[in-house]
Amino acid sequence: MIKDEMNTIQNDYIKIIYKIHDKNIVFEVRDNVNKPEELDRVIAIFVGDAWQFKSWPLKNSISNFLQEVRGFYLNYKDLPPNKDIQKWNLTFLNIYRESRHLDCARKTDFWAEIEKLIK
């Protein structure tokens, strides 16, 4: 386990503490959700391609699940998103190859969307 003042890396997830509305909120960032009961705690998903949901633990589709949680797609602005995911309910976070200093703005956009979910 790796630790700093606020965040830790466990074996299967990273714990991030982020201040929202003057309260420290603990988030677990996971690479996988394998059991349907774990999905009750999901508030956001980063999507890359449809194939990453081959072993999805729900019977309903990812597009239905993205109506309940916030979905994000991070990509280079000059590359079109995959056709399969264009129909999904996603927030597109575009980054620029030659303007990487703007990545911080995408981070701000991401947390602004998460803050909308936390009331």
PDB file of N, CA and C in Angstrom:
ATOM      1  N   MET A   1       0.848  -1.172   0.000  1.00  0.00           N
ATOM      2  CA  MET A   1       0.000   0.000   0.000  1.00  0.00           C
ATOM      3  C   MET A   1       0.897   1.239   0.000  1.00  0.00           C
ATOM      4  N   ILE A   2       0.557   2.208  -0.835  1.00  0.00           N
ATOM      5  CA  ILE A   2       1.265   3.479  -0.922  1.00  0.00           C
ATOM      6  C   ILE A   2       0.384   4.551  -0.319  1.00  0.00           C
ATOM      7  N   LYS A   3       0.991   5.436   0.466  1.00  0.00           N
ATOM      8  CA  LYS A   3       0.189   6.473   1.126  1.00  0.00           C
ATOM      9  C   LYS A   3       0.792   7.844   0.901  1.00  0.00           C
ATOM     10  N   ASP A   4      -0.039   8.842   0.826  1.00  0.00           N
ATOM     11  CA  ASP A   4       0.379  10.222   0.996  1.00  0.00           C
ATOM     12  C   ASP A   4      -0.584  10.809   2.030  1.00  0.00           C
ATOM     13  N   GLU A   5      -0.631  12.105   2.148  1.00  0.00           N
ATOM     14  CA  GLU A   5      -1.460  12.704   3.198  1.00  0.00           C
ATOM     15  C   GLU A   5      -2.939  12.361   3.069  1.00  0.00           C
ATOM     16  N   MET A   6      -3.449  12.337   1.863  1.00  0.00           N
ATOM     17  CA  MET A   6      -4.892  12.191   1.686  1.00  0.00           C
ATOM     18  C   MET A   6      -5.285  10.900   0.967  1.00  0.00           C
ATOM     19  N   ASN A   7      -4.472  10.413   0.054  1.00  0.00           N
ATOM     20  CA  ASN A   7      -4.878   9.340  -0.833  1.00  0.00           C
ATOM     21  C   ASN A   7      -4.050   8.086  -0.574  1.00  0.00           C
ATOM     22  N   THR A   8      -4.641   6.928  -0.822  1.00  0.00           N
ATOM     23  CA  THR A   8      -3.926   5.673  -0.655  1.00  0.00           C
ATOM     24  C   THR A   8      -4.195   4.767  -1.847  1.00  0.00           C
ATOM     25  N   ILE A   9      -3.252   3.888  -2.100  1.00  0.00           N
ATOM     26  CA  ILE A   9      -3.428   2.873  -3.133  1.00  0.00           C
ATOM     27  C   ILE A   9      -3.508   1.532  -2.426  1.00  0.00           C
ATOM     28  N   GLN A  10      -4.639   0.864  -2.542  1.00  0.00           N
ATOM     29  CA  GLN A  10      -4.834  -0.466  -1.993  1.00  0.00           C
ATOM     30  C   GLN A  10      -4.502  -1.468  -3.098  1.00  0.00           C
ATOM     31  N   ASN A  11      -4.696  -2.736  -2.827  1.00  0.00           N
ATOM     32  CA  ASN A  11      -4.409  -3.754  -3.829  1.00  0.00           C
ATOM     33  C   ASN A  11      -5.329  -3.674  -5.042  1.00  0.00           C
ATOM     34  N   ASP A  12      -6.599  -3.375  -4.819  1.00  0.00           N
ATOM     35  CA  ASP A  12      -7.548  -3.406  -5.924  1.00  0.00           C
ATOM     36  C   ASP A  12      -8.227  -2.067  -6.208  1.00  0.00           C
ATOM     37  N   TYR A  13      -7.839  -1.013  -5.507  1.00  0.00           N
ATOM     38  CA  TYR A  13      -8.420   0.298  -5.780  1.00  0.00           C
ATOM     39  C   TYR A  13      -7.526   1.398  -5.239  1.00  0.00           C
ATOM     40  N   ILE A  14      -7.808   2.609  -5.711  1.00  0.00           N
ATOM     41  CA  ILE A  14      -7.140   3.802  -5.210  1.00  0.00           C
ATOM     42  C   ILE A  14      -8.184   4.604  -4.444  1.00  0.00           C
ATOM     43  N   LYS A  15      -7.845   5.019  -3.252  1.00  0.00           N
ATOM     44  CA  LYS A  15      -8.744   5.849  -2.455  1.00  0.00           C
ATOM     45  C   LYS A  15      -8.330   7.305  -2.648  1.00  0.00           C
ATOM     46  N   ILE A  16      -9.286   8.125  -3.070  1.00  0.00           N
ATOM     47  CA  ILE A  16      -9.048   9.551  -3.276  1.00  0.00           C
ATOM     48  C   ILE A  16      -9.993  10.314  -2.358  1.00  0.00           C
ATOM     49  N   ILE A  17      -9.448  11.274  -1.657  1.00  0.00           N
ATOM     50  CA  ILE A  17     -10.269  12.148  -0.819  1.00  0.00           C
ATOM     51  C   ILE A  17     -10.315  13.507  -1.504  1.00  0.00           C
ATOM     52  N   TYR A  18     -11.528  13.969  -1.773  1.00  0.00           N
ATOM     53  CA  TYR A  18     -11.728  15.219  -2.512  1.00  0.00           C
ATOM     54  C   TYR A  18     -12.761  16.053  -1.759  1.00  0.00           C
ATOM     55  N   LYS A  19     -12.491  17.336  -1.629  1.00  0.00           N
ATOM     56  CA  LYS A  19     -13.397  18.218  -0.894  1.00  0.00           C
ATOM     57  C   LYS A  19     -14.504  18.724  -1.819  1.00  0.00           C
ATOM     58  N   ILE A  20     -15.749  18.448  -1.403  1.00  0.00           N
ATOM     59  CA  ILE A  20     -16.932  18.911  -2.127  1.00  0.00           C
ATOM     60  C   ILE A  20     -17.866  19.525  -1.095  1.00  0.00           C
ATOM     61  N   HIS A  21     -18.305  20.745  -1.352  1.00  0.00           N
ATOM     62  CA  HIS A  21     -19.202  21.454  -0.431  1.00  0.00           C
ATOM     63  C   HIS A  21     -18.631  21.474   0.990  1.00  0.00           C
ATOM     64  N   ASP A  22     -17.353  21.777   1.090  1.00  0.00           N
ATOM     65  CA  ASP A  22     -16.644  21.883   2.379  1.00  0.00           C
ATOM     66  C   ASP A  22     -16.595  20.589   3.182  1.00  0.00           C
ATOM     67  N   LYS A  23     -16.808  19.456   2.528  1.00  0.00           N
ATOM     68  CA  LYS A  23     -16.708  18.162   3.190  1.00  0.00           C
ATOM     69  C   LYS A  23     -15.737  17.284   2.418  1.00  0.00           C
ATOM     70  N   ASN A  24     -14.874  16.571   3.121  1.00  0.00           N
ATOM     71  CA  ASN A  24     -13.999  15.600   2.484  1.00  0.00           C
ATOM     72  C   ASN A  24     -14.811  14.357   2.141  1.00  0.00           C
ATOM     73  N   ILE A  25     -14.833  14.014   0.868  1.00  0.00           N
ATOM     74  CA  ILE A  25     -15.562  12.848   0.387  1.00  0.00           C
ATOM     75  C   ILE A  25     -14.528  11.811  -0.055  1.00  0.00           C
ATOM     76  N   VAL A  26     -14.734  10.570   0.352  1.00  0.00           N
ATOM     77  CA  VAL A  26     -13.824   9.487  -0.016  1.00  0.00           C
ATOM     78  C   VAL A  26     -14.385   8.778  -1.244  1.00  0.00           C
ATOM     79  N   PHE A  27     -13.553   8.671  -2.275  1.00  0.00           N
ATOM     80  CA  PHE A  27     -13.909   7.965  -3.510  1.00  0.00           C
ATOM     81  C   PHE A  27     -12.969   6.776  -3.667  1.00  0.00           C
ATOM     82  N   GLU A  28     -13.500   5.675  -4.142  1.00  0.00           N
ATOM     83  CA  GLU A  28     -12.682   4.522  -4.501  1.00  0.00           C
ATOM     84  C   GLU A  28     -12.649   4.439  -6.016  1.00  0.00           C
ATOM     85  N   VAL A  29     -11.463   4.472  -6.578  1.00  0.00           N
ATOM     86  CA  VAL A  29     -11.292   4.355  -8.027  1.00  0.00           C
ATOM     87  C   VAL A  29     -10.874   2.919  -8.309  1.00  0.00           C
ATOM     88  N   ARG A  30     -11.710   2.229  -9.050  1.00  0.00           N
ATOM     89  CA  ARG A  30     -11.478   0.811  -9.333  1.00  0.00           C
ATOM     90  C   ARG A  30     -11.366   0.579 -10.835  1.00  0.00           C
ATOM     91  N   ASP A  31     -10.568  -0.402 -11.166  1.00  0.00           N
ATOM     92  CA  ASP A  31     -10.420  -0.793 -12.559  1.00  0.00           C
ATOM     93  C   ASP A  31     -11.578  -1.679 -13.003  1.00  0.00           C
ATOM     94  N   ASN A  32     -12.157  -2.398 -12.073  1.00  0.00           N
ATOM     95  CA  ASN A  32     -13.197  -3.368 -12.378  1.00  0.00           C
ATOM     96  C   ASN A  32     -14.276  -3.374 -11.313  1.00  0.00           C
ATOM     97  N   VAL A  33     -15.479  -3.669 -11.732  1.00  0.00           N
ATOM     98  CA  VAL A  33     -16.570  -3.989 -10.809  1.00  0.00           C
ATOM     99  C   VAL A  33     -17.064  -5.346 -11.270  1.00  0.00           C
ATOM    100  N   ASN A  34     -16.851  -6.351 -10.428  1.00  0.00           N
ATOM    101  CA  ASN A  34     -17.125  -7.725 -10.846  1.00  0.00           C
ATOM    102  C   ASN A  34     -18.442  -8.294 -10.344  1.00  0.00           C
ATOM    103  N   LYS A  35     -18.977  -7.703  -9.280  1.00  0.00           N
ATOM    104  CA  LYS A  35     -20.195  -8.243  -8.684  1.00  0.00           C
ATOM    105  C   LYS A  35     -21.324  -7.224  -8.806  1.00  0.00           C
ATOM    106  N   PRO A  36     -22.533  -7.686  -9.112  1.00  0.00           N
ATOM    107  CA  PRO A  36     -23.658  -6.743  -9.228  1.00  0.00           C
ATOM    108  C   PRO A  36     -23.870  -5.896  -7.975  1.00  0.00           C
ATOM    109  N   GLU A  37     -23.630  -6.451  -6.794  1.00  0.00           N
ATOM    110  CA  GLU A  37     -23.846  -5.684  -5.559  1.00  0.00           C
ATOM    111  C   GLU A  37     -22.842  -4.531  -5.415  1.00  0.00           C
ATOM    112  N   GLU A  38     -21.693  -4.603  -6.075  1.00  0.00           N
ATOM    113  CA  GLU A  38     -20.720  -3.506  -6.033  1.00  0.00           C
ATOM    114  C   GLU A  38     -21.189  -2.305  -6.857  1.00  0.00           C
ATOM    115  N   LEU A  39     -22.078  -2.533  -7.788  1.00  0.00           N
ATOM    116  CA  LEU A  39     -22.536  -1.467  -8.678  1.00  0.00           C
ATOM    117  C   LEU A  39     -23.380  -0.415  -7.960  1.00  0.00           C
ATOM    118  N   ASP A  40     -23.921  -0.755  -6.808  1.00  0.00           N
ATOM    119  CA  ASP A  40     -24.723   0.207  -6.042  1.00  0.00           C
ATOM    120  C   ASP A  40     -23.890   1.402  -5.588  1.00  0.00           C
ATOM    121  N   ARG A  41     -22.591   1.253  -5.547  1.00  0.00           N
ATOM    122  CA  ARG A  41     -21.705   2.309  -5.060  1.00  0.00           C
ATOM    123  C   ARG A  41     -21.074   3.115  -6.194  1.00  0.00           C
ATOM    124  N   VAL A  42     -21.335   2.738  -7.423  1.00  0.00           N
ATOM    125  CA  VAL A  42     -20.733   3.414  -8.571  1.00  0.00           C
ATOM    126  C   VAL A  42     -21.468   4.720  -8.848  1.00  0.00           C
ATOM    127  N   ILE A  43     -20.704   5.812  -8.998  1.00  0.00           N
ATOM    128  CA  ILE A  43     -21.329   7.079  -9.388  1.00  0.00           C
ATOM    129  C   ILE A  43     -20.834   7.547 -10.748  1.00  0.00           C
ATOM    130  N   ALA A  44     -19.694   6.986 -11.211  1.00  0.00           N
ATOM    131  CA  ALA A  44     -19.143   7.412 -12.498  1.00  0.00           C
ATOM    132  C   ALA A  44     -18.314   6.293 -13.103  1.00  0.00           C
ATOM    133  N   ILE A  45     -18.255   6.312 -14.439  1.00  0.00           N
ATOM    134  CA  ILE A  45     -17.476   5.330 -15.191  1.00  0.00           C
ATOM    135  C   ILE A  45     -16.721   6.060 -16.292  1.00  0.00           C
ATOM    136  N   PHE A  46     -15.451   5.722 -16.444  1.00  0.00           N
ATOM    137  CA  PHE A  46     -14.695   6.162 -17.613  1.00  0.00           C
ATOM    138  C   PHE A  46     -14.793   5.065 -18.657  1.00  0.00           C
ATOM    139  N   VAL A  47     -15.232   5.439 -19.834  1.00  0.00           N
ATOM    140  CA  VAL A  47     -15.469   4.496 -20.921  1.00  0.00           C
ATOM    141  C   VAL A  47     -14.399   4.698 -21.990  1.00  0.00           C
ATOM    142  N   GLY A  48     -13.886   3.588 -22.507  1.00  0.00           N
ATOM    143  CA  GLY A  48     -12.938   3.663 -23.602  1.00  0.00           C
ATOM    144  C   GLY A  48     -13.528   3.069 -24.864  1.00  0.00           C
ATOM    145  N   ASP A  49     -14.110   1.884 -24.728  1.00  0.00           N
ATOM    146  CA  ASP A  49     -14.653   1.178 -25.874  1.00  0.00           C
ATOM    147  C   ASP A  49     -15.679   0.163 -25.365  1.00  0.00           C
ATOM    148  N   ALA A  50     -16.549  -0.265 -26.234  1.00  0.00           N
ATOM    149  CA  ALA A  50     -17.611  -1.191 -25.834  1.00  0.00           C
ATOM    150  C   ALA A  50     -17.056  -2.537 -25.368  1.00  0.00           C
ATOM    151  N   TRP A  51     -15.932  -2.990 -25.909  1.00  0.00           N
ATOM    152  CA  TRP A  51     -15.385  -4.295 -25.547  1.00  0.00           C
ATOM    153  C   TRP A  51     -15.038  -4.390 -24.057  1.00  0.00           C
ATOM    154  N   GLN A  52     -14.768  -3.261 -23.402  1.00  0.00           N
ATOM    155  CA  GLN A  52     -14.379  -3.330 -21.997  1.00  0.00           C
ATOM    156  C   GLN A  52     -15.517  -3.810 -21.101  1.00  0.00           C
ATOM    157  N   PHE A  53     -16.731  -3.904 -21.632  1.00  0.00           N
ATOM    158  CA  PHE A  53     -17.887  -4.346 -20.849  1.00  0.00           C
ATOM    159  C   PHE A  53     -18.320  -5.770 -21.208  1.00  0.00           C
ATOM    160  N   LYS A  54     -17.440  -6.550 -21.806  1.00  0.00           N
ATOM    161  CA  LYS A  54     -17.763  -7.935 -22.163  1.00  0.00           C
ATOM    162  C   LYS A  54     -18.188  -8.758 -20.953  1.00  0.00           C
ATOM    163  N   SER A  55     -17.508  -8.569 -19.843  1.00  0.00           N
ATOM    164  CA  SER A  55     -17.834  -9.348 -18.643  1.00  0.00           C
ATOM    165  C   SER A  55     -18.653  -8.517 -17.657  1.00  0.00           C
ATOM    166  N   TRP A  56     -19.476  -7.628 -18.176  1.00  0.00           N
ATOM    167  CA  TRP A  56     -20.297  -6.738 -17.356  1.00  0.00           C
ATOM    168  C   TRP A  56     -21.192  -7.566 -16.452  1.00  0.00           C
ATOM    169  N   PRO A  57     -21.208  -7.283 -15.118  1.00  0.00           N
ATOM    170  CA  PRO A  57     -21.965  -8.130 -14.188  1.00  0.00           C
ATOM    171  C   PRO A  57     -23.480  -7.922 -14.194  1.00  0.00           C
ATOM    172  N   LEU A  58     -23.976  -6.967 -14.946  1.00  0.00           N
ATOM    173  CA  LEU A  58     -25.423  -6.747 -14.996  1.00  0.00           C
ATOM    174  C   LEU A  58     -26.030  -7.396 -16.217  1.00  0.00           C
ATOM    175  N   LYS A  59     -27.276  -7.756 -16.086  1.00  0.00           N
ATOM    176  CA  LYS A  59     -27.979  -8.315 -17.234  1.00  0.00           C
ATOM    177  C   LYS A  59     -28.360  -7.228 -18.226  1.00  0.00           C
ATOM    178  N   ASN A  60     -28.634  -6.013 -17.702  1.00  0.00           N
ATOM    179  CA  ASN A  60     -28.978  -4.938 -18.633  1.00  0.00           C
ATOM    180  C   ASN A  60     -27.699  -4.354 -19.240  1.00  0.00           C
ATOM    181  N   SER A  61     -27.834  -3.595 -20.243  1.00  0.00           N
ATOM    182  CA  SER A  61     -26.682  -3.107 -20.986  1.00  0.00           C
ATOM    183  C   SER A  61     -26.030  -1.919 -20.296  1.00  0.00           C
ATOM    184  N   ILE A  62     -24.811  -1.643 -20.713  1.00  0.00           N
ATOM    185  CA  ILE A  62     -24.082  -0.494 -20.177  1.00  0.00           C
ATOM    186  C   ILE A  62     -24.802   0.799 -20.534  1.00  0.00           C
ATOM    187  N   SER A  63     -25.434   0.859 -21.693  1.00  0.00           N
ATOM    188  CA  SER A  63     -26.135   2.090 -22.064  1.00  0.00           C
ATOM    189  C   SER A  63     -27.279   2.389 -21.086  1.00  0.00           C
ATOM    190  N   ASN A  64     -27.950   1.352 -20.583  1.00  0.00           N
ATOM    191  CA  ASN A  64     -28.984   1.558 -19.567  1.00  0.00           C
ATOM    192  C   ASN A  64     -28.370   2.020 -18.248  1.00  0.00           C
ATOM    193  N   PHE A  65     -27.243   1.425 -17.874  1.00  0.00           N
ATOM    194  CA  PHE A  65     -26.586   1.794 -16.621  1.00  0.00           C
ATOM    195  C   PHE A  65     -26.107   3.240 -16.663  1.00  0.00           C
ATOM    196  N   LEU A  66     -25.699   3.710 -17.824  1.00  0.00           N
ATOM    197  CA  LEU A  66     -25.220   5.084 -17.970  1.00  0.00           C
ATOM    198  C   LEU A  66     -26.355   6.113 -17.867  1.00  0.00           C
ATOM    199  N   GLN A  67     -27.585   5.668 -17.767  1.00  0.00           N
ATOM    200  CA  GLN A  67     -28.691   6.577 -17.463  1.00  0.00           C
ATOM    201  C   GLN A  67     -28.760   6.848 -15.958  1.00  0.00           C
ATOM    202  N   GLU A  68     -28.127   5.969 -15.160  1.00  0.00           N
ATOM    203  CA  GLU A  68     -28.167   6.078 -13.708  1.00  0.00           C
ATOM    204  C   GLU A  68     -26.900   6.689 -13.117  1.00  0.00           C
ATOM    205  N   VAL A  69     -25.773   6.542 -13.791  1.00  0.00           N
ATOM    206  CA  VAL A  69     -24.500   7.073 -13.304  1.00  0.00           C
ATOM    207  C   VAL A  69     -23.910   7.993 -14.369  1.00  0.00           C
ATOM    208  N   ARG A  70     -22.914   8.756 -13.983  1.00  0.00           N
ATOM    209  CA  ARG A  70     -22.265   9.664 -14.936  1.00  0.00           C
ATOM    210  C   ARG A  70     -21.182   8.890 -15.690  1.00  0.00           C
ATOM    211  N   GLY A  71     -21.213   8.966 -16.996  1.00  0.00           N
ATOM    212  CA  GLY A  71     -20.200   8.329 -17.829  1.00  0.00           C
ATOM    213  C   GLY A  71     -19.292   9.378 -18.446  1.00  0.00           C
ATOM    214  N   PHE A  72     -18.006   9.057 -18.522  1.00  0.00           N
ATOM    215  CA  PHE A  72     -17.020   9.974 -19.086  1.00  0.00           C
ATOM    216  C   PHE A  72     -16.232   9.272 -20.181  1.00  0.00           C
ATOM    217  N   TYR A  73     -15.895  10.039 -21.198  1.00  0.00           N
ATOM    218  CA  TYR A  73     -15.056   9.540 -22.287  1.00  0.00           C
ATOM    219  C   TYR A  73     -13.935  10.556 -22.483  1.00  0.00           C
ATOM    220  N   LEU A  74     -12.710  10.137 -22.195  1.00  0.00           N
ATOM    221  CA  LEU A  74     -11.534  10.992 -22.325  1.00  0.00           C
ATOM    222  C   LEU A  74     -10.840  10.640 -23.628  1.00  0.00           C
ATOM    223  N   ASN A  75     -10.681  11.638 -24.498  1.00  0.00           N
ATOM    224  CA  ASN A  75     -10.039  11.349 -25.780  1.00  0.00           C
ATOM    225  C   ASN A  75      -9.336  12.587 -26.331  1.00  0.00           C
ATOM    226  N   TYR A  76      -8.453  12.324 -27.302  1.00  0.00           N
ATOM    227  CA  TYR A  76      -7.822  13.435 -28.017  1.00  0.00           C
ATOM    228  C   TYR A  76      -8.861  14.091 -28.915  1.00  0.00           C
ATOM    229  N   LYS A  77      -8.876  15.396 -28.928  1.00  0.00           N
ATOM    230  CA  LYS A  77      -9.862  16.169 -29.685  1.00  0.00           C
ATOM    231  C   LYS A  77      -9.853  15.820 -31.170  1.00  0.00           C
ATOM    232  N   ASP A  78      -8.670  15.492 -31.707  1.00  0.00           N
ATOM    233  CA  ASP A  78      -8.572  15.228 -33.141  1.00  0.00           C
ATOM    234  C   ASP A  78      -8.983  13.803 -33.537  1.00  0.00           C
ATOM    235  N   LEU A  79      -9.342  12.971 -32.577  1.00  0.00           N
ATOM    236  CA  LEU A  79      -9.799  11.613 -32.883  1.00  0.00           C
ATOM    237  C   LEU A  79     -11.293  11.498 -32.611  1.00  0.00           C
ATOM    238  N   PRO A  80     -12.054  11.010 -33.571  1.00  0.00           N
ATOM    239  CA  PRO A  80     -13.498  10.849 -33.319  1.00  0.00           C
ATOM    240  C   PRO A  80     -13.730   9.715 -32.320  1.00  0.00           C
ATOM    241  N   PRO A  81     -14.754   9.834 -31.496  1.00  0.00           N
ATOM    242  CA  PRO A  81     -15.082   8.742 -30.567  1.00  0.00           C
ATOM    243  C   PRO A  81     -15.512   7.499 -31.331  1.00  0.00           C
ATOM    244  N   ASN A  82     -15.345   6.374 -30.720  1.00  0.00           N
ATOM    245  CA  ASN A  82     -15.778   5.107 -31.279  1.00  0.00           C
ATOM    246  C   ASN A  82     -17.277   5.171 -31.582  1.00  0.00           C
ATOM    247  N   LYS A  83     -17.684   4.648 -32.719  1.00  0.00           N
ATOM    248  CA  LYS A  83     -19.094   4.701 -33.127  1.00  0.00           C
ATOM    249  C   LYS A  83     -20.027   4.013 -32.131  1.00  0.00           C
ATOM    250  N   ASP A  84     -19.567   2.923 -31.516  1.00  0.00           N
ATOM    251  CA  ASP A  84     -20.406   2.168 -30.589  1.00  0.00           C
ATOM    252  C   ASP A  84     -20.811   2.987 -29.371  1.00  0.00           C
ATOM    253  N   ILE A  85     -19.948   3.892 -28.935  1.00  0.00           N
ATOM    254  CA  ILE A  85     -20.242   4.617 -27.699  1.00  0.00           C
ATOM    255  C   ILE A  85     -20.885   5.978 -27.934  1.00  0.00           C
ATOM    256  N   GLN A  86     -20.968   6.417 -29.167  1.00  0.00           N
ATOM    257  CA  GLN A  86     -21.531   7.740 -29.449  1.00  0.00           C
ATOM    258  C   GLN A  86     -22.989   7.859 -29.031  1.00  0.00           C
ATOM    259  N   LYS A  87     -23.689   6.736 -28.924  1.00  0.00           N
ATOM    260  CA  LYS A  87     -25.097   6.753 -28.527  1.00  0.00           C
ATOM    261  C   LYS A  87     -25.269   6.747 -27.015  1.00  0.00           C
ATOM    262  N   TRP A  88     -24.187   6.504 -26.287  1.00  0.00           N
ATOM    263  CA  TRP A  88     -24.276   6.392 -24.838  1.00  0.00           C
ATOM    264  C   TRP A  88     -24.342   7.770 -24.187  1.00  0.00           C
ATOM    265  N   ASN A  89     -24.877   7.827 -23.001  1.00  0.00           N
ATOM    266  CA  ASN A  89     -24.998   9.051 -22.219  1.00  0.00           C
ATOM    267  C   ASN A  89     -23.643   9.350 -21.559  1.00  0.00           C
ATOM    268  N   LEU A  90     -22.792  10.072 -22.268  1.00  0.00           N
ATOM    269  CA  LEU A  90     -21.429  10.334 -21.799  1.00  0.00           C
ATOM    270  C   LEU A  90     -21.118  11.815 -21.796  1.00  0.00           C
ATOM    271  N   THR A  91     -20.235  12.210 -20.898  1.00  0.00           N
ATOM    272  CA  THR A  91     -19.630  13.534 -20.925  1.00  0.00           C
ATOM    273  C   THR A  91     -18.273  13.364 -21.594  1.00  0.00           C
ATOM    274  N   PHE A  92     -18.066  14.054 -22.701  1.00  0.00           N
ATOM    275  CA  PHE A  92     -16.816  13.935 -23.451  1.00  0.00           C
ATOM    276  C   PHE A  92     -15.808  14.951 -22.930  1.00  0.00           C
ATOM    277  N   LEU A  93     -14.676  14.456 -22.488  1.00  0.00           N
ATOM    278  CA  LEU A  93     -13.591  15.292 -21.991  1.00  0.00           C
ATOM    279  C   LEU A  93     -12.475  15.249 -23.028  1.00  0.00           C
ATOM    280  N   ASN A  94     -12.398  16.277 -23.846  1.00  0.00           N
ATOM    281  CA  ASN A  94     -11.415  16.310 -24.923  1.00  0.00           C
ATOM    282  C   ASN A  94     -10.103  16.925 -24.446  1.00  0.00           C
ATOM    283  N   ILE A  95      -9.011  16.252 -24.794  1.00  0.00           N
ATOM    284  CA  ILE A  95      -7.692  16.795 -24.513  1.00  0.00           C
ATOM    285  C   ILE A  95      -6.981  17.034 -25.842  1.00  0.00           C
ATOM    286  N   TYR A  96      -5.978  17.881 -25.806  1.00  0.00           N
ATOM    287  CA  TYR A  96      -5.278  18.302 -27.013  1.00  0.00           C
ATOM    288  C   TYR A  96      -3.826  17.848 -26.954  1.00  0.00           C
ATOM    289  N   ARG A  97      -3.367  17.212 -28.013  1.00  0.00           N
ATOM    290  CA  ARG A  97      -1.995  16.690 -28.058  1.00  0.00           C
ATOM    291  C   ARG A  97      -0.948  17.780 -27.865  1.00  0.00           C
ATOM    292  N   GLU A  98      -1.146  18.927 -28.487  1.00  0.00           N
ATOM    293  CA  GLU A  98      -0.153  19.994 -28.449  1.00  0.00           C
ATOM    294  C   GLU A  98      -0.422  21.034 -27.359  1.00  0.00           C
ATOM    295  N   SER A  99      -1.461  20.852 -26.595  1.00  0.00           N
ATOM    296  CA  SER A  99      -1.802  21.820 -25.546  1.00  0.00           C
ATOM    297  C   SER A  99      -2.081  21.082 -24.244  1.00  0.00           C
ATOM    298  N   ARG A 100      -1.122  20.291 -23.807  1.00  0.00           N
ATOM    299  CA  ARG A 100      -1.330  19.456 -22.624  1.00  0.00           C
ATOM    300  C   ARG A 100      -1.512  20.285 -21.350  1.00  0.00           C
ATOM    301  N   HIS A 101      -1.140  21.549 -21.386  1.00  0.00           N
ATOM    302  CA  HIS A 101      -1.379  22.409 -20.222  1.00  0.00           C
ATOM    303  C   HIS A 101      -2.879  22.595 -19.970  1.00  0.00           C
ATOM    304  N   LEU A 102      -3.707  22.291 -20.964  1.00  0.00           N
ATOM    305  CA  LEU A 102      -5.158  22.391 -20.794  1.00  0.00           C
ATOM    306  C   LEU A 102      -5.771  21.160 -20.121  1.00  0.00           C
ATOM    307  N   ASP A 103      -4.950  20.133 -19.864  1.00  0.00           N
ATOM    308  CA  ASP A 103      -5.462  18.930 -19.196  1.00  0.00           C
ATOM    309  C   ASP A 103      -6.074  19.265 -17.839  1.00  0.00           C
ATOM    310  N   CYS A 104      -5.505  20.235 -17.170  1.00  0.00           N
ATOM    311  CA  CYS A 104      -6.016  20.625 -15.849  1.00  0.00           C
ATOM    312  C   CYS A 104      -7.470  21.116 -15.951  1.00  0.00           C
ATOM    313  N   ALA A 105      -7.796  21.763 -17.053  1.00  0.00           N
ATOM    314  CA  ALA A 105      -9.179  22.223 -17.251  1.00  0.00           C
ATOM    315  C   ALA A 105     -10.124  21.026 -17.372  1.00  0.00           C
ATOM    316  N   ARG A 106      -9.676  19.937 -18.004  1.00  0.00           N
ATOM    317  CA  ARG A 106     -10.510  18.734 -18.111  1.00  0.00           C
ATOM    318  C   ARG A 106     -10.701  18.111 -16.734  1.00  0.00           C
ATOM    319  N   LYS A 107      -9.660  18.148 -15.903  1.00  0.00           N
ATOM    320  CA  LYS A 107      -9.790  17.646 -14.528  1.00  0.00           C
ATOM    321  C   LYS A 107     -10.839  18.459 -13.783  1.00  0.00           C
ATOM    322  N   THR A 108     -10.814  19.771 -13.964  1.00  0.00           N
ATOM    323  CA  THR A 108     -11.800  20.643 -13.325  1.00  0.00           C
ATOM    324  C   THR A 108     -13.206  20.318 -13.834  1.00  0.00           C
ATOM    325  N   ASP A 109     -13.328  20.085 -15.132  1.00  0.00           N
ATOM    326  CA  ASP A 109     -14.626  19.704 -15.713  1.00  0.00           C
ATOM    327  C   ASP A 109     -15.139  18.400 -15.103  1.00  0.00           C
ATOM    328  N   PHE A 110     -14.235  17.430 -14.958  1.00  0.00           N
ATOM    329  CA  PHE A 110     -14.612  16.140 -14.371  1.00  0.00           C
ATOM    330  C   PHE A 110     -15.160  16.334 -12.955  1.00  0.00           C
ATOM    331  N   TRP A 111     -14.416  17.035 -12.101  1.00  0.00           N
ATOM    332  CA  TRP A 111     -14.854  17.207 -10.719  1.00  0.00           C
ATOM    333  C   TRP A 111     -16.117  18.061 -10.628  1.00  0.00           C
ATOM    334  N   ALA A 112     -16.310  18.988 -11.546  1.00  0.00           N
ATOM    335  CA  ALA A 112     -17.554  19.775 -11.550  1.00  0.00           C
ATOM    336  C   ALA A 112     -18.756  18.864 -11.803  1.00  0.00           C
ATOM    337  N   GLU A 113     -18.598  17.904 -12.690  1.00  0.00           N
ATOM    338  CA  GLU A 113     -19.679  16.940 -12.955  1.00  0.00           C
ATOM    339  C   GLU A 113     -19.938  16.048 -11.743  1.00  0.00           C
ATOM    340  N   ILE A 114     -18.869  15.631 -11.080  1.00  0.00           N
ATOM    341  CA  ILE A 114     -19.024  14.801  -9.885  1.00  0.00           C
ATOM    342  C   ILE A 114     -19.717  15.596  -8.778  1.00  0.00           C
ATOM    343  N   GLU A 115     -19.350  16.868  -8.640  1.00  0.00           N
ATOM    344  CA  GLU A 115     -19.980  17.704  -7.613  1.00  0.00           C
ATOM    345  C   GLU A 115     -21.481  17.821  -7.820  1.00  0.00           C
ATOM    346  N   LYS A 116     -21.924  17.818  -9.074  1.00  0.00           N
ATOM    347  CA  LYS A 116     -23.373  17.861  -9.345  1.00  0.00           C
ATOM    348  C   LYS A 116     -24.090  16.630  -8.795  1.00  0.00           C
ATOM    349  N   LEU A 117     -23.360  15.509  -8.726  1.00  0.00           N
ATOM    350  CA  LEU A 117     -23.951  14.277  -8.239  1.00  0.00           C
ATOM    351  C   LEU A 117     -24.028  14.206  -6.723  1.00  0.00           C
ATOM    352  N   ILE A 118     -23.123  14.933  -6.065  1.00  0.00           N
ATOM    353  CA  ILE A 118     -23.026  14.903  -4.610  1.00  0.00           C
ATOM    354  C   ILE A 118     -23.810  16.074  -4.053  1.00  0.00           C
ATOM    355  N   LYS A 119     -24.888  15.812  -3.392  1.00  0.00           N
ATOM    356  CA  LYS A 119     -25.705  16.898  -2.868  1.00  0.00           C
ATOM    357  C   LYS A 119     -25.679  16.931  -1.364  1.00  0.00           C
TER     358      LYS A 119
END
